[in-house]
C-alpha atoms as a PDB file:
ATOM      1  CA  UNK A   1      -1.206  30.828  83.401  1.00  0.00           C
ATOM      2  CA  UNK A   2      -0.886  34.517  82.603  1.00  0.00           C
ATOM      3  CA  UNK A   3       2.081  35.763  80.378  1.00  0.00           C
ATOM      4  CA  UNK A   4       3.376  39.255  80.913  1.00  0.00           C
ATOM      5  CA  UNK A   5       5.269  41.237  77.829  1.00  0.00           C
ATOM      6  CA  UNK A   6       6.416  44.838  77.724  1.00  0.00           C
ATOM      7  CA  UNK A   7       6.626  46.692  74.654  1.00  0.00           C
ATOM      8  CA  UNK A   8      10.507  45.988  74.369  1.00  0.00           C
ATOM      9  CA  UNK A   9       9.669  42.191  74.561  1.00  0.00           C
ATOM     10  CA  UNK A  10       7.000  42.550  71.512  1.00  0.00           C
ATOM     11  CA  UNK A  11       9.944  44.540  69.769  1.00  0.00           C
ATOM     12  CA  UNK A  12      12.395  41.651  70.178  1.00  0.00           C
ATOM     13  CA  UNK A  13       9.759  39.177  69.110  1.00  0.00           C
ATOM     14  CA  UNK A  14       9.176  41.316  66.083  1.00  0.00           C
ATOM     15  CA  UNK A  15      13.039  41.462  65.356  1.00  0.00           C
ATOM     16  CA  UNK A  16      13.409  37.534  65.917  1.00  0.00           C
ATOM     17  CA  UNK A  17      10.650  37.187  63.293  1.00  0.00           C
ATOM     18  CA  UNK A  18      12.679  39.204  60.597  1.00  0.00           C
ATOM     19  CA  UNK A  19      10.272  41.949  60.684  1.00  0.00           C
ATOM     20  CA  UNK A  20      11.228  45.702  60.317  1.00  0.00           C
ATOM     21  CA  UNK A  21      10.116  49.137  61.437  1.00  0.00           C
ATOM     22  CA  UNK A  22       8.687  51.271  58.665  1.00  0.00           C
ATOM     23  CA  UNK A  23      10.372  54.397  58.753  1.00  0.00           C
ATOM     24  CA  UNK A  24       9.829  56.464  62.010  1.00  0.00           C
ATOM     25  CA  UNK A  25       6.371  54.980  62.280  1.00  0.00           C
ATOM     26  CA  UNK A  26       4.979  52.510  64.925  1.00  0.00           C
ATOM     27  CA  UNK A  27       4.371  50.033  62.349  1.00  0.00           C
ATOM     28  CA  UNK A  28       6.471  46.776  61.960  1.00  0.00           C
ATOM     29  CA  UNK A  29       6.164  44.659  58.779  1.00  0.00           C
ATOM     30  CA  UNK A  30       7.852  41.594  57.592  1.00  0.00           C
ATOM     31  CA  UNK A  31       7.648  38.128  56.302  1.00  0.00           C
ATOM     32  CA  UNK A  32       8.932  35.373  59.001  1.00  0.00           C
ATOM     33  CA  UNK A  33      10.972  32.289  58.258  1.00  0.00           C
ATOM     34  CA  UNK A  34       7.672  30.435  57.950  1.00  0.00           C
ATOM     35  CA  UNK A  35       6.684  32.727  54.983  1.00  0.00           C
ATOM     36  CA  UNK A  36       3.802  34.364  56.720  1.00  0.00           C
ATOM     37  CA  UNK A  37       3.532  37.941  56.239  1.00  0.00           C
ATOM     38  CA  UNK A  38       2.971  40.007  59.532  1.00  0.00           C
ATOM     39  CA  UNK A  39       2.209  43.443  60.469  1.00  0.00           C
ATOM     40  CA  UNK A  40       2.323  44.741  64.179  1.00  0.00           C
ATOM     41  CA  UNK A  41       2.049  48.100  65.808  1.00  0.00           C
ATOM     42  CA  UNK A  42       4.295  48.831  68.802  1.00  0.00           C
ATOM     43  CA  UNK A  43       4.081  51.540  70.980  1.00  0.00           C
ATOM     44  CA  UNK A  44       7.537  51.747  72.177  1.00  0.00           C
ATOM     45  CA  UNK A  45       7.503  54.741  74.104  1.00  0.00           C
ATOM     46  CA  UNK A  46       5.018  53.132  76.840  1.00  0.00           C
ATOM     47  CA  UNK A  47       6.534  51.421  79.869  1.00  0.00           C
ATOM     48  CA  UNK A  48       5.447  48.832  82.016  1.00  0.00           C
ATOM     49  CA  UNK A  49       3.416  45.511  80.842  1.00  0.00           C
ATOM     50  CA  UNK A  50       0.784  45.463  77.767  1.00  0.00           C
ATOM     51  CA  UNK A  51      -2.389  44.423  78.849  1.00  0.00           C
ATOM     52  CA  UNK A  52      -3.781  40.828  78.433  1.00  0.00           C
ATOM     53  CA  UNK A  53      -6.395  41.526  76.072  1.00  0.00           C
ATOM     54  CA  UNK A  54      -3.940  43.577  73.788  1.00  0.00           C
ATOM     55  CA  UNK A  55      -1.275  40.835  74.132  1.00  0.00           C
ATOM     56  CA  UNK A  56      -3.694  38.385  72.837  1.00  0.00           C
ATOM     57  CA  UNK A  57      -4.737  40.502  69.613  1.00  0.00           C
ATOM     58  CA  UNK A  58      -0.966  41.021  69.035  1.00  0.00           C
ATOM     59  CA  UNK A  59      -0.203  37.398  69.531  1.00  0.00           C
ATOM     60  CA  UNK A  60      -3.065  36.027  67.328  1.00  0.00           C
ATOM     61  CA  UNK A  61      -4.218  38.643  64.737  1.00  0.00           C
ATOM     62  CA  UNK A  62      -0.906  40.687  64.160  1.00  0.00           C
ATOM     63  CA  UNK A  63       1.962  38.012  64.839  1.00  0.00           C
ATOM     64  CA  UNK A  64       0.048  35.183  63.675  1.00  0.00           C
ATOM     65  CA  UNK A  65       0.783  32.748  66.746  1.00  0.00           C
ATOM     66  CA  UNK A  66      -1.774  30.179  67.617  1.00  0.00           C
ATOM     67  CA  UNK A  67      -1.867  31.502  71.324  1.00  0.00           C
ATOM     68  CA  UNK A  68       0.113  33.825  73.758  1.00  0.00           C
ATOM     69  CA  UNK A  69       1.593  30.833  75.142  1.00  0.00           C
ATOM     70  CA  UNK A  70       3.193  29.853  71.729  1.00  0.00           C
ATOM     71  CA  UNK A  71       4.348  33.414  71.654  1.00  0.00           C
ATOM     72  CA  UNK A  72       5.871  33.267  74.870  1.00  0.00           C
ATOM     73  CA  UNK A  73       7.544  30.102  74.156  1.00  0.00           C
ATOM     74  CA  UNK A  74       8.736  31.639  71.143  1.00  0.00           C
ATOM     75  CA  UNK A  75      10.227  34.646  72.681  1.00  0.00           C
ATOM     76  CA  UNK A  76      11.900  32.553  75.769  1.00  0.00           C
ATOM     77  CA  UNK A  77      13.278  30.011  72.973  1.00  0.00           C
ATOM     78  CA  UNK A  78      15.204  32.907  71.229  1.00  0.00           C
END
C-alpha cells in the first residue's frame, strides 16, 4: 500500500517527536520520547506530496522508523 505525505505532514511528525527547528534553517533536530536522537531536513515551502523514495529515506534514515508504514501509523495515531 502506498502512503502519501506532504511537507506539512513531515513537519507535524517532527513536532510530535519533540524535534525543534534549528534557527531559520530547514534542519529539525531533537531527541524523541524513546531516547533516539533524530535529524531531519524539511523543505516546507514546497507544496504537494513528497516522492516515495524521499519518504522512505526520511522515515528510515532521518526519523528512525522501521518503515514508512510505521511512520504513517504514528502520524495518524497522534
